[in-house]
PDB file of N, CA and C in Angstrom:
ATOM      1  N   UNK A   1      74.160  97.971  53.478  1.00  0.00           N
ATOM      2  CA  UNK A   1      74.532  99.268  52.942  1.00  0.00           C
ATOM      3  C   UNK A   1      75.270 100.056  54.025  1.00  0.00           C
ATOM      4  N   UNK A   2      76.360 100.662  53.669  1.00  0.00           N
ATOM      5  CA  UNK A   2      77.170 101.370  54.642  1.00  0.00           C
ATOM      6  C   UNK A   2      76.779 102.822  54.817  1.00  0.00           C
ATOM      7  N   UNK A   3      76.092 103.391  53.863  1.00  0.00           N
ATOM      8  CA  UNK A   3      75.713 104.782  53.979  1.00  0.00           C
ATOM      9  C   UNK A   3      74.276 104.960  53.519  1.00  0.00           C
ATOM     10  N   UNK A   4      73.708 106.038  53.964  1.00  0.00           N
ATOM     11  CA  UNK A   4      72.330 106.321  53.589  1.00  0.00           C
ATOM     12  C   UNK A   4      72.208 107.804  53.286  1.00  0.00           C
ATOM     13  N   UNK A   5      71.727 108.179  52.104  1.00  0.00           N
ATOM     14  CA  UNK A   5      71.488 109.589  51.842  1.00  0.00           C
ATOM     15  C   UNK A   5      70.365 110.087  52.751  1.00  0.00           C
ATOM     16  N   UNK A   6      70.513 111.271  53.257  1.00  0.00           N
ATOM     17  CA  UNK A   6      69.488 111.855  54.116  1.00  0.00           C
ATOM     18  C   UNK A   6      69.128 113.223  53.583  1.00  0.00           C
ATOM     19  N   UNK A   7      68.003 113.696  54.011  1.00  0.00           N
ATOM     20  CA  UNK A   7      67.540 115.006  53.591  1.00  0.00           C
ATOM     21  C   UNK A   7      68.395 116.083  54.247  1.00  0.00           C
ATOM     22  N   UNK A   8      68.945 116.975  53.470  1.00  0.00           N
ATOM     23  CA  UNK A   8      69.753 118.059  54.001  1.00  0.00           C
ATOM     24  C   UNK A   8      68.839 119.122  54.587  1.00  0.00           C
ATOM     25  N   UNK A   9      69.254 119.693  55.718  1.00  0.00           N
ATOM     26  CA  UNK A   9      68.484 120.767  56.323  1.00  0.00           C
ATOM     27  C   UNK A   9      69.434 121.751  56.962  1.00  0.00           C
ATOM     28  N   UNK A  10      68.947 122.926  57.219  1.00  0.00           N
ATOM     29  CA  UNK A  10      69.759 123.923  57.878  1.00  0.00           C
ATOM     30  C   UNK A  10      69.922 123.541  59.339  1.00  0.00           C
ATOM     31  N   UNK A  11      71.155 123.617  59.828  1.00  0.00           N
ATOM     32  CA  UNK A  11      71.439 123.215  61.198  1.00  0.00           C
ATOM     33  C   UNK A  11      71.799 124.416  62.054  1.00  0.00           C
ATOM     34  N   UNK A  12      71.451 124.323  63.312  1.00  0.00           N
ATOM     35  CA  UNK A  12      71.838 125.318  64.296  1.00  0.00           C
ATOM     36  C   UNK A  12      73.116 124.848  64.975  1.00  0.00           C
ATOM     37  N   UNK A  13      73.958 125.761  65.390  1.00  0.00           N
ATOM     38  CA  UNK A  13      75.193 125.415  66.097  1.00  0.00           C
ATOM     39  C   UNK A  13      74.886 124.607  67.355  1.00  0.00           C
ATOM     40  N   UNK A  14      73.735 124.809  67.949  1.00  0.00           N
ATOM     41  CA  UNK A  14      73.343 124.094  69.166  1.00  0.00           C
ATOM     42  C   UNK A  14      73.055 122.619  68.907  1.00  0.00           C
ATOM     43  N   UNK A  15      72.843 122.234  67.659  1.00  0.00           N
ATOM     44  CA  UNK A  15      72.574 120.840  67.314  1.00  0.00           C
ATOM     45  C   UNK A  15      73.849 120.030  67.078  1.00  0.00           C
ATOM     46  N   UNK A  16      74.983 120.725  66.945  1.00  0.00           N
ATOM     47  CA  UNK A  16      76.231 120.078  66.532  1.00  0.00           C
ATOM     48  C   UNK A  16      77.138 119.734  67.707  1.00  0.00           C
ATOM     49  N   UNK A  17      77.791 118.584  67.604  1.00  0.00           N
ATOM     50  CA  UNK A  17      78.857 118.204  68.528  1.00  0.00           C
ATOM     51  C   UNK A  17      80.197 118.503  67.867  1.00  0.00           C
ATOM     52  N   UNK A  18      80.271 118.253  66.568  1.00  0.00           N
ATOM     53  CA  UNK A  18      81.509 118.374  65.802  1.00  0.00           C
ATOM     54  C   UNK A  18      81.151 118.866  64.405  1.00  0.00           C
ATOM     55  N   UNK A  19      81.957 119.788  63.878  1.00  0.00           N
ATOM     56  CA  UNK A  19      81.794 120.240  62.498  1.00  0.00           C
ATOM     57  C   UNK A  19      83.166 120.574  61.953  1.00  0.00           C
ATOM     58  N   UNK A  20      83.463 120.061  60.770  1.00  0.00           N
ATOM     59  CA  UNK A  20      84.742 120.355  60.121  1.00  0.00           C
ATOM     60  C   UNK A  20      84.552 120.246  58.617  1.00  0.00           C
ATOM     61  N   UNK A  21      85.130 121.179  57.883  1.00  0.00           N
ATOM     62  CA  UNK A  21      85.091 121.085  56.422  1.00  0.00           C
ATOM     63  C   UNK A  21      86.523 120.962  55.909  1.00  0.00           C
ATOM     64  N   UNK A  22      86.651 120.665  54.635  1.00  0.00           N
ATOM     65  CA  UNK A  22      87.978 120.588  54.030  1.00  0.00           C
ATOM     66  C   UNK A  22      88.336 121.926  53.370  1.00  0.00           C
ATOM     67  N   UNK A  23      87.920 123.017  53.978  1.00  0.00           N
ATOM     68  CA  UNK A  23      88.200 124.353  53.471  1.00  0.00           C
ATOM     69  C   UNK A  23      89.705 124.570  53.322  1.00  0.00           C
ATOM     70  N   UNK A  24      90.096 125.071  52.163  1.00  0.00           N
ATOM     71  CA  UNK A  24      91.489 125.386  51.873  1.00  0.00           C
ATOM     72  C   UNK A  24      91.625 126.902  51.826  1.00  0.00           C
ATOM     73  N   UNK A  25      92.367 127.505  52.751  1.00  0.00           N
ATOM     74  CA  UNK A  25      92.470 128.963  52.776  1.00  0.00           C
ATOM     75  C   UNK A  25      93.189 129.553  51.561  1.00  0.00           C
ATOM     76  N   UNK A  26      94.017 128.764  50.893  1.00  0.00           N
ATOM     77  CA  UNK A  26      94.713 129.282  49.708  1.00  0.00           C
ATOM     78  C   UNK A  26      93.747 129.405  48.531  1.00  0.00           C
ATOM     79  N   UNK A  27      93.008 128.340  48.266  1.00  0.00           N
ATOM     80  CA  UNK A  27      92.057 128.383  47.140  1.00  0.00           C
ATOM     81  C   UNK A  27      90.709 128.962  47.560  1.00  0.00           C
ATOM     82  N   UNK A  28      90.491 129.047  48.853  1.00  0.00           N
ATOM     83  CA  UNK A  28      89.220 129.509  49.421  1.00  0.00           C
ATOM     84  C   UNK A  28      88.056 128.664  48.929  1.00  0.00           C
ATOM     85  N   UNK A  29      88.297 127.345  48.870  1.00  0.00           N
ATOM     86  CA  UNK A  29      87.265 126.404  48.425  1.00  0.00           C
ATOM     87  C   UNK A  29      87.136 125.273  49.430  1.00  0.00           C
ATOM     88  N   UNK A  30      85.963 124.660  49.411  1.00  0.00           N
ATOM     89  CA  UNK A  30      85.716 123.454  50.183  1.00  0.00           C
ATOM     90  C   UNK A  30      84.761 122.584  49.378  1.00  0.00           C
ATOM     91  N   UNK A  31      84.903 121.271  49.522  1.00  0.00           N
ATOM     92  CA  UNK A  31      84.052 120.372  48.744  1.00  0.00           C
ATOM     93  C   UNK A  31      83.111 119.551  49.612  1.00  0.00           C
ATOM     94  N   UNK A  32      83.409 119.448  50.919  1.00  0.00           N
ATOM     95  CA  UNK A  32      82.525 118.703  51.811  1.00  0.00           C
ATOM     96  C   UNK A  32      82.705 119.165  53.248  1.00  0.00           C
ATOM     97  N   UNK A  33      81.749 118.808  54.067  1.00  0.00           N
ATOM     98  CA  UNK A  33      81.879 119.001  55.514  1.00  0.00           C
ATOM     99  C   UNK A  33      81.456 117.714  56.201  1.00  0.00           C
ATOM    100  N   UNK A  34      82.012 117.498  57.373  1.00  0.00           N
ATOM    101  CA  UNK A  34      81.654 116.344  58.192  1.00  0.00           C
ATOM    102  C   UNK A  34      81.151 116.880  59.525  1.00  0.00           C
ATOM    103  N   UNK A  35      80.129 116.227  60.067  1.00  0.00           N
ATOM    104  CA  UNK A  35      79.611 116.693  61.350  1.00  0.00           C
ATOM    105  C   UNK A  35      78.901 115.578  62.100  1.00  0.00           C
ATOM    106  N   UNK A  36      78.727 115.824  63.392  1.00  0.00           N
ATOM    107  CA  UNK A  36      77.960 114.938  64.267  1.00  0.00           C
ATOM    108  C   UNK A  36      76.921 115.788  64.979  1.00  0.00           C
ATOM    109  N   UNK A  37      75.767 115.186  65.192  1.00  0.00           N
ATOM    110  CA  UNK A  37      74.661 115.871  65.849  1.00  0.00           C
ATOM    111  C   UNK A  37      74.511 115.405  67.290  1.00  0.00           C
ATOM    112  N   UNK A  38      73.987 116.269  68.145  1.00  0.00           N
ATOM    113  CA  UNK A  38      73.748 115.917  69.550  1.00  0.00           C
ATOM    114  C   UNK A  38      72.729 114.792  69.693  1.00  0.00           C
ATOM    115  N   UNK A  39      71.773 114.714  68.780  1.00  0.00           N
ATOM    116  CA  UNK A  39      70.688 113.729  68.914  1.00  0.00           C
ATOM    117  C   UNK A  39      70.875 112.495  68.026  1.00  0.00           C
ATOM    118  N   UNK A  40      72.104 112.304  67.477  1.00  0.00           N
ATOM    119  CA  UNK A  40      72.335 111.163  66.597  1.00  0.00           C
ATOM    120  C   UNK A  40      73.820 110.789  66.658  1.00  0.00           C
ATOM    121  N   UNK A  41      74.163 109.543  66.986  1.00  0.00           N
ATOM    122  CA  UNK A  41      75.567 109.165  67.143  1.00  0.00           C
ATOM    123  C   UNK A  41      76.319 108.883  65.843  1.00  0.00           C
ATOM    124  N   UNK A  42      75.665 108.994  64.699  1.00  0.00           N
ATOM    125  CA  UNK A  42      76.293 108.697  63.403  1.00  0.00           C
ATOM    126  C   UNK A  42      77.113 109.880  62.902  1.00  0.00           C
ATOM    127  N   UNK A  43      77.924 109.624  61.885  1.00  0.00           N
ATOM    128  CA  UNK A  43      78.709 110.665  61.224  1.00  0.00           C
ATOM    129  C   UNK A  43      77.981 111.076  59.953  1.00  0.00           C
ATOM    130  N   UNK A  44      77.865 112.367  59.721  1.00  0.00           N
ATOM    131  CA  UNK A  44      77.227 112.901  58.521  1.00  0.00           C
ATOM    132  C   UNK A  44      78.276 113.613  57.682  1.00  0.00           C
ATOM    133  N   UNK A  45      78.177 113.453  56.364  1.00  0.00           N
ATOM    134  CA  UNK A  45      79.052 114.166  55.433  1.00  0.00           C
ATOM    135  C   UNK A  45      78.161 114.826  54.389  1.00  0.00           C
ATOM    136  N   UNK A  46      78.341 116.129  54.228  1.00  0.00           N
ATOM    137  CA  UNK A  46      77.607 116.861  53.201  1.00  0.00           C
ATOM    138  C   UNK A  46      78.558 117.156  52.050  1.00  0.00           C
ATOM    139  N   UNK A  47      78.189 116.694  50.846  1.00  0.00           N
ATOM    140  CA  UNK A  47      78.987 116.897  49.639  1.00  0.00           C
ATOM    141  C   UNK A  47      78.405 118.115  48.923  1.00  0.00           C
ATOM    142  N   UNK A  48      79.158 119.193  48.894  1.00  0.00           N
ATOM    143  CA  UNK A  48      78.623 120.456  48.395  1.00  0.00           C
ATOM    144  C   UNK A  48      78.295 120.442  46.908  1.00  0.00           C
ATOM    145  N   UNK A  49      79.074 119.734  46.095  1.00  0.00           N
ATOM    146  CA  UNK A  49      78.846 119.747  44.645  1.00  0.00           C
ATOM    147  C   UNK A  49      77.517 119.115  44.253  1.00  0.00           C
ATOM    148  N   UNK A  50      77.059 118.147  45.034  1.00  0.00           N
ATOM    149  CA  UNK A  50      75.806 117.466  44.711  1.00  0.00           C
ATOM    150  C   UNK A  50      74.659 117.838  45.641  1.00  0.00           C
ATOM    151  N   UNK A  51      75.003 118.454  46.787  1.00  0.00           N
ATOM    152  CA  UNK A  51      73.994 118.760  47.783  1.00  0.00           C
ATOM    153  C   UNK A  51      73.590 117.532  48.592  1.00  0.00           C
ATOM    154  N   UNK A  52      74.274 116.431  48.379  1.00  0.00           N
ATOM    155  CA  UNK A  52      73.953 115.176  49.037  1.00  0.00           C
ATOM    156  C   UNK A  52      74.508 115.155  50.463  1.00  0.00           C
ATOM    157  N   UNK A  53      73.715 114.627  51.388  1.00  0.00           N
ATOM    158  CA  UNK A  53      74.173 114.406  52.753  1.00  0.00           C
ATOM    159  C   UNK A  53      74.188 112.911  53.003  1.00  0.00           C
ATOM    160  N   UNK A  54      75.349 112.397  53.412  1.00  0.00           N
ATOM    161  CA  UNK A  54      75.529 110.969  53.663  1.00  0.00           C
ATOM    162  C   UNK A  54      75.563 110.724  55.162  1.00  0.00           C
ATOM    163  N   UNK A  55      74.993 109.624  55.570  1.00  0.00           N
ATOM    164  CA  UNK A  55      74.939 109.253  56.983  1.00  0.00           C
ATOM    165  C   UNK A  55      75.655 107.920  57.158  1.00  0.00           C
ATOM    166  N   UNK A  56      76.717 107.901  57.969  1.00  0.00           N
ATOM    167  CA  UNK A  56      77.495 106.695  58.215  1.00  0.00           C
ATOM    168  C   UNK A  56      77.243 106.214  59.635  1.00  0.00           C
ATOM    169  N   UNK A  57      76.600 105.056  59.752  1.00  0.00           N
ATOM    170  CA  UNK A  57      76.298 104.466  61.058  1.00  0.00           C
ATOM    171  C   UNK A  57      76.950 103.102  61.227  1.00  0.00           C
ATOM    172  N   UNK A  58      76.990 102.329  60.159  1.00  0.00           N
ATOM    173  CA  UNK A  58      77.539 100.977  60.218  1.00  0.00           C
ATOM    174  C   UNK A  58      79.049 101.027  60.052  1.00  0.00           C
ATOM    175  N   UNK A  59      79.736 100.259  60.889  1.00  0.00           N
ATOM    176  CA  UNK A  59      81.196 100.263  60.898  1.00  0.00           C
ATOM    177  C   UNK A  59      81.695  99.072  60.099  1.00  0.00           C
ATOM    178  N   UNK A  60      82.387  99.367  59.006  1.00  0.00           N
ATOM    179  CA  UNK A  60      82.881  98.354  58.075  1.00  0.00           C
ATOM    180  C   UNK A  60      83.771  97.345  58.797  1.00  0.00           C
ATOM    181  N   UNK A  61      83.602  96.069  58.471  1.00  0.00           N
ATOM    182  CA  UNK A  61      84.410  95.019  59.056  1.00  0.00           C
ATOM    183  C   UNK A  61      83.914  94.516  60.403  1.00  0.00           C
ATOM    184  N   UNK A  62      82.810  95.072  60.869  1.00  0.00           N
ATOM    185  CA  UNK A  62      82.217  94.656  62.143  1.00  0.00           C
ATOM    186  C   UNK A  62      80.707  94.542  61.948  1.00  0.00           C
ATOM    187  N   UNK A  63      80.012  94.107  62.970  1.00  0.00           N
ATOM    188  CA  UNK A  63      78.545  94.129  62.924  1.00  0.00           C
ATOM    189  C   UNK A  63      78.005  95.301  63.736  1.00  0.00           C
ATOM    190  N   UNK A  64      78.839  96.282  63.996  1.00  0.00           N
ATOM    191  CA  UNK A  64      78.447  97.442  64.798  1.00  0.00           C
ATOM    192  C   UNK A  64      77.606  98.415  63.989  1.00  0.00           C
ATOM    193  N   UNK A  65      76.687  99.033  64.701  1.00  0.00           N
ATOM    194  CA  UNK A  65      75.848 100.081  64.129  1.00  0.00           C
ATOM    195  C   UNK A  65      75.750 101.166  65.191  1.00  0.00           C
ATOM    196  N   UNK A  66      76.268 102.352  64.900  1.00  0.00           N
ATOM    197  CA  UNK A  66      76.285 103.430  65.891  1.00  0.00           C
ATOM    198  C   UNK A  66      74.890 103.752  66.413  1.00  0.00           C
ATOM    199  N   UNK A  67      73.884 103.699  65.542  1.00  0.00           N
ATOM    200  CA  UNK A  67      72.521 103.998  65.995  1.00  0.00           C
ATOM    201  C   UNK A  67      72.010 102.956  66.980  1.00  0.00           C
ATOM    202  N   UNK A  68      72.313 101.696  66.728  1.00  0.00           N
ATOM    203  CA  UNK A  68      71.798 100.614  67.572  1.00  0.00           C
ATOM    204  C   UNK A  68      72.664 100.350  68.799  1.00  0.00           C
ATOM    205  N   UNK A  69      73.988 100.529  68.660  1.00  0.00           N
ATOM    206  CA  UNK A  69      74.917 100.138  69.713  1.00  0.00           C
ATOM    207  C   UNK A  69      75.371 101.282  70.621  1.00  0.00           C
ATOM    208  N   UNK A  70      74.980 102.505  70.326  1.00  0.00           N
ATOM    209  CA  UNK A  70      75.306 103.639  71.182  1.00  0.00           C
ATOM    210  C   UNK A  70      74.533 103.487  72.494  1.00  0.00           C
ATOM    211  N   UNK A  71      75.091 103.719  73.659  1.00  0.00           N
ATOM    212  CA  UNK A  71      76.384 104.333  73.967  1.00  0.00           C
ATOM    213  C   UNK A  71      77.524 103.348  74.202  1.00  0.00           C
ATOM    214  N   UNK A  72      77.312 102.061  73.943  1.00  0.00           N
ATOM    215  CA  UNK A  72      78.406 101.092  74.115  1.00  0.00           C
ATOM    216  C   UNK A  72      79.562 101.384  73.175  1.00  0.00           C
ATOM    217  N   UNK A  73      79.264 101.878  71.981  1.00  0.00           N
ATOM    218  CA  UNK A  73      80.286 102.349  71.049  1.00  0.00           C
ATOM    219  C   UNK A  73      79.917 103.763  70.643  1.00  0.00           C
ATOM    220  N   UNK A  74      80.912 104.562  70.329  1.00  0.00           N
ATOM    221  CA  UNK A  74      80.667 105.949  69.934  1.00  0.00           C
ATOM    222  C   UNK A  74      81.874 106.488  69.188  1.00  0.00           C
ATOM    223  N   UNK A  75      81.660 107.550  68.434  1.00  0.00           N
ATOM    224  CA  UNK A  75      82.752 108.199  67.708  1.00  0.00           C
ATOM    225  C   UNK A  75      83.494 109.106  68.667  1.00  0.00           C
ATOM    226  N   UNK A  76      84.815 108.914  68.684  1.00  0.00           N
ATOM    227  CA  UNK A  76      85.671 109.763  69.508  1.00  0.00           C
ATOM    228  C   UNK A  76      86.345 110.808  68.641  1.00  0.00           C
ATOM    229  N   UNK A  77      87.647 110.711  68.499  1.00  0.00           N
ATOM    230  CA  UNK A  77      88.449 111.685  67.762  1.00  0.00           C
ATOM    231  C   UNK A  77      88.064 111.702  66.282  1.00  0.00           C
ATOM    232  N   UNK A  78      88.024 112.911  65.692  1.00  0.00           N
ATOM    233  CA  UNK A  78      87.699 113.076  64.273  1.00  0.00           C
ATOM    234  C   UNK A  78      88.658 114.080  63.642  1.00  0.00           C
ATOM    235  N   UNK A  79      88.914 113.888  62.347  1.00  0.00           N
ATOM    236  CA  UNK A  79      89.715 114.855  61.593  1.00  0.00           C
ATOM    237  C   UNK A  79      89.335 114.768  60.115  1.00  0.00           C
ATOM    238  N   UNK A  80      89.758 115.775  59.357  1.00  0.00           N
ATOM    239  CA  UNK A  80      89.405 115.885  57.938  1.00  0.00           C
ATOM    240  C   UNK A  80      90.651 116.305  57.167  1.00  0.00           C
ATOM    241  N   UNK A  81      90.823 115.750  55.965  1.00  0.00           N
ATOM    242  CA  UNK A  81      91.837 116.288  55.062  1.00  0.00           C
ATOM    243  C   UNK A  81      91.146 116.650  53.746  1.00  0.00           C
ATOM    244  N   UNK A  82      91.879 116.813  52.683  1.00  0.00           N
ATOM    245  CA  UNK A  82      91.284 117.301  51.438  1.00  0.00           C
ATOM    246  C   UNK A  82      90.256 116.356  50.831  1.00  0.00           C
ATOM    247  N   UNK A  83      90.354 115.037  51.096  1.00  0.00           N
ATOM    248  CA  UNK A  83      89.438 114.087  50.454  1.00  0.00           C
ATOM    249  C   UNK A  83      88.805 113.077  51.405  1.00  0.00           C
ATOM    250  N   UNK A  84      89.179 113.112  52.678  1.00  0.00           N
ATOM    251  CA  UNK A  84      88.720 112.067  53.589  1.00  0.00           C
ATOM    252  C   UNK A  84      88.339 112.611  54.954  1.00  0.00           C
ATOM    253  N   UNK A  85      87.520 111.828  55.632  1.00  0.00           N
ATOM    254  CA  UNK A  85      87.173 112.072  57.032  1.00  0.00           C
ATOM    255  C   UNK A  85      87.700 110.877  57.813  1.00  0.00           C
ATOM    256  N   UNK A  86      88.406 111.144  58.905  1.00  0.00           N
ATOM    257  CA  UNK A  86      88.957 110.102  59.755  1.00  0.00           C
ATOM    258  C   UNK A  86      88.284 110.179  61.116  1.00  0.00           C
ATOM    259  N   UNK A  87      88.018 109.026  61.727  1.00  0.00           N
ATOM    260  CA  UNK A  87      87.457 109.028  63.073  1.00  0.00           C
ATOM    261  C   UNK A  87      87.740 107.703  63.759  1.00  0.00           C
ATOM    262  N   UNK A  88      87.686 107.734  65.072  1.00  0.00           N
ATOM    263  CA  UNK A  88      87.889 106.546  65.878  1.00  0.00           C
ATOM    264  C   UNK A  88      86.556 106.161  66.496  1.00  0.00           C
ATOM    265  N   UNK A  89      86.226 104.875  66.398  1.00  0.00           N
ATOM    266  CA  UNK A  89      85.030 104.359  67.069  1.00  0.00           C
ATOM    267  C   UNK A  89      85.518 103.724  68.365  1.00  0.00           C
ATOM    268  N   UNK A  90      85.195 104.375  69.462  1.00  0.00           N
ATOM    269  CA  UNK A  90      85.582 103.882  70.776  1.00  0.00           C
ATOM    270  C   UNK A  90      84.662 102.733  71.154  1.00  0.00           C
ATOM    271  N   UNK A  91      85.270 101.667  71.612  1.00  0.00           N
ATOM    272  CA  UNK A  91      84.524 100.478  72.016  1.00  0.00           C
ATOM    273  C   UNK A  91      85.287  99.803  73.147  1.00  0.00           C
ATOM    274  N   UNK A  92      84.583  99.148  74.052  1.00  0.00           N
ATOM    275  CA  UNK A  92      85.278  98.539  75.184  1.00  0.00           C
ATOM    276  C   UNK A  92      86.127  97.327  74.802  1.00  0.00           C
ATOM    277  N   UNK A  93      85.945  96.781  73.611  1.00  0.00           N
ATOM    278  CA  UNK A  93      86.611  95.534  73.267  1.00  0.00           C
ATOM    279  C   UNK A  93      87.406  95.545  71.961  1.00  0.00           C
ATOM    280  N   UNK A  94      87.211  96.506  71.080  1.00  0.00           N
ATOM    281  CA  UNK A  94      87.900  96.461  69.784  1.00  0.00           C
ATOM    282  C   UNK A  94      87.779  97.805  69.075  1.00  0.00           C
ATOM    283  N   UNK A  95      88.449  98.823  69.587  1.00  0.00           N
ATOM    284  CA  UNK A  95      88.398 100.151  68.991  1.00  0.00           C
ATOM    285  C   UNK A  95      88.795 100.084  67.508  1.00  0.00           C
ATOM    286  N   UNK A  96      88.133 100.912  66.675  1.00  0.00           N
ATOM    287  CA  UNK A  96      88.394 100.933  65.226  1.00  0.00           C
ATOM    288  C   UNK A  96      88.793 102.344  64.786  1.00  0.00           C
ATOM    289  N   UNK A  97      89.738 102.414  63.868  1.00  0.00           N
ATOM    290  CA  UNK A  97      90.105 103.676  63.221  1.00  0.00           C
ATOM    291  C   UNK A  97      89.527 103.621  61.820  1.00  0.00           C
ATOM    292  N   UNK A  98      88.682 104.592  61.486  1.00  0.00           N
ATOM    293  CA  UNK A  98      87.959 104.564  60.208  1.00  0.00           C
ATOM    294  C   UNK A  98      88.310 105.758  59.331  1.00  0.00           C
ATOM    295  N   UNK A  99      88.158 105.530  58.045  1.00  0.00           N
ATOM    296  CA  UNK A  99      88.348 106.576  57.043  1.00  0.00           C
ATOM    297  C   UNK A  99      87.189 106.506  56.068  1.00  0.00           C
ATOM    298  N   UNK A 100      86.585 107.647  55.791  1.00  0.00           N
ATOM    299  CA  UNK A 100      85.608 107.757  54.714  1.00  0.00           C
ATOM    300  C   UNK A 100      86.305 108.514  53.592  1.00  0.00           C
ATOM    301  N   UNK A 101      86.488 107.838  52.454  1.00  0.00           N
ATOM    302  CA  UNK A 101      87.037 108.493  51.265  1.00  0.00           C
ATOM    303  C   UNK A 101      85.847 109.115  50.548  1.00  0.00           C
ATOM    304  N   UNK A 102      85.708 110.411  50.674  1.00  0.00           N
ATOM    305  CA  UNK A 102      84.496 111.118  50.242  1.00  0.00           C
ATOM    306  C   UNK A 102      84.210 110.974  48.750  1.00  0.00           C
ATOM    307  N   UNK A 103      85.191 111.105  47.835  1.00  0.00           N
ATOM    308  CA  UNK A 103      84.849 110.981  46.413  1.00  0.00           C
ATOM    309  C   UNK A 103      84.168 109.659  46.048  1.00  0.00           C
ATOM    310  N   UNK A 104      84.516 108.580  46.745  1.00  0.00           N
ATOM    311  CA  UNK A 104      83.904 107.278  46.456  1.00  0.00           C
ATOM    312  C   UNK A 104      82.820 106.890  47.467  1.00  0.00           C
ATOM    313  N   UNK A 105      82.636 107.722  48.503  1.00  0.00           N
ATOM    314  CA  UNK A 105      81.640 107.448  49.559  1.00  0.00           C
ATOM    315  C   UNK A 105      81.912 106.086  50.195  1.00  0.00           C
ATOM    316  N   UNK A 106      83.180 105.792  50.425  1.00  0.00           N
ATOM    317  CA  UNK A 106      83.616 104.480  50.888  1.00  0.00           C
ATOM    318  C   UNK A 106      84.228 104.587  52.278  1.00  0.00           C
ATOM    319  N   UNK A 107      83.760 103.725  53.183  1.00  0.00           N
ATOM    320  CA  UNK A 107      84.305 103.673  54.524  1.00  0.00           C
ATOM    321  C   UNK A 107      85.167 102.421  54.685  1.00  0.00           C
ATOM    322  N   UNK A 108      86.337 102.589  55.294  1.00  0.00           N
ATOM    323  CA  UNK A 108      87.194 101.460  55.652  1.00  0.00           C
ATOM    324  C   UNK A 108      87.618 101.655  57.102  1.00  0.00           C
ATOM    325  N   UNK A 109      87.690 100.557  57.833  1.00  0.00           N
ATOM    326  CA  UNK A 109      88.062 100.607  59.241  1.00  0.00           C
ATOM    327  C   UNK A 109      89.063  99.508  59.552  1.00  0.00           C
ATOM    328  N   UNK A 110      89.954  99.799  60.497  1.00  0.00           N
ATOM    329  CA  UNK A 110      90.907  98.799  60.953  1.00  0.00           C
ATOM    330  C   UNK A 110      90.978  98.875  62.468  1.00  0.00           C
ATOM    331  N   UNK A 111      91.189  97.738  63.125  1.00  0.00           N
ATOM    332  CA  UNK A 111      91.328  97.731  64.587  1.00  0.00           C
ATOM    333  C   UNK A 111      92.568  98.520  65.010  1.00  0.00           C
ATOM    334  N   UNK A 112      92.470  99.206  66.141  1.00  0.00           N
ATOM    335  CA  UNK A 112      93.612  99.967  66.647  1.00  0.00           C
ATOM    336  C   UNK A 112      94.458  99.135  67.602  1.00  0.00           C
ATOM    337  N   UNK A 113      93.920  98.021  68.081  1.00  0.00           N
ATOM    338  CA  UNK A 113      94.617  97.214  69.063  1.00  0.00           C
ATOM    339  C   UNK A 113      94.279  97.603  70.488  1.00  0.00           C
ATOM    340  N   UNK A 114      93.439  98.601  70.653  1.00  0.00           N
ATOM    341  CA  UNK A 114      93.012  99.039  71.998  1.00  0.00           C
ATOM    342  C   UNK A 114      91.655  98.467  72.351  1.00  0.00           C
TER     343      UNK A 114
END
C-alpha cells in the first residue's frame, strides 16, 4: 500500500518543516494541503473535502520507505499546484522526482539521473 490514512489533528507551527496548500487567491478556495513534520520524514496530505489525511512513506517504483530508510533518503524540494504535490526524494544512489495526484491519491516517481 502506498498511502495510509492517519488521524487528523491540530498542528503547531513548531511541528512543521514544510506546509503548502493549493490556495487560489482568485477563487479564495483550497482543496488540500501538503506538509512534513519535524518528527516524521513522510509526506502528509490533508484533503479538506473529506477531512482525510494521507501519509506517503513508500516511494513508488523502488523498495524505499521514508520511515525505515531515513536519513539515508529524505524529501528535499517540494511544490504544489492545483491538483498535485511534487517532491524530490534525495538519495545517494538514485534520486527520484515524485508526484502525488491528489484526486486519485496516486503517487508516481521517476529517477532524476542524479
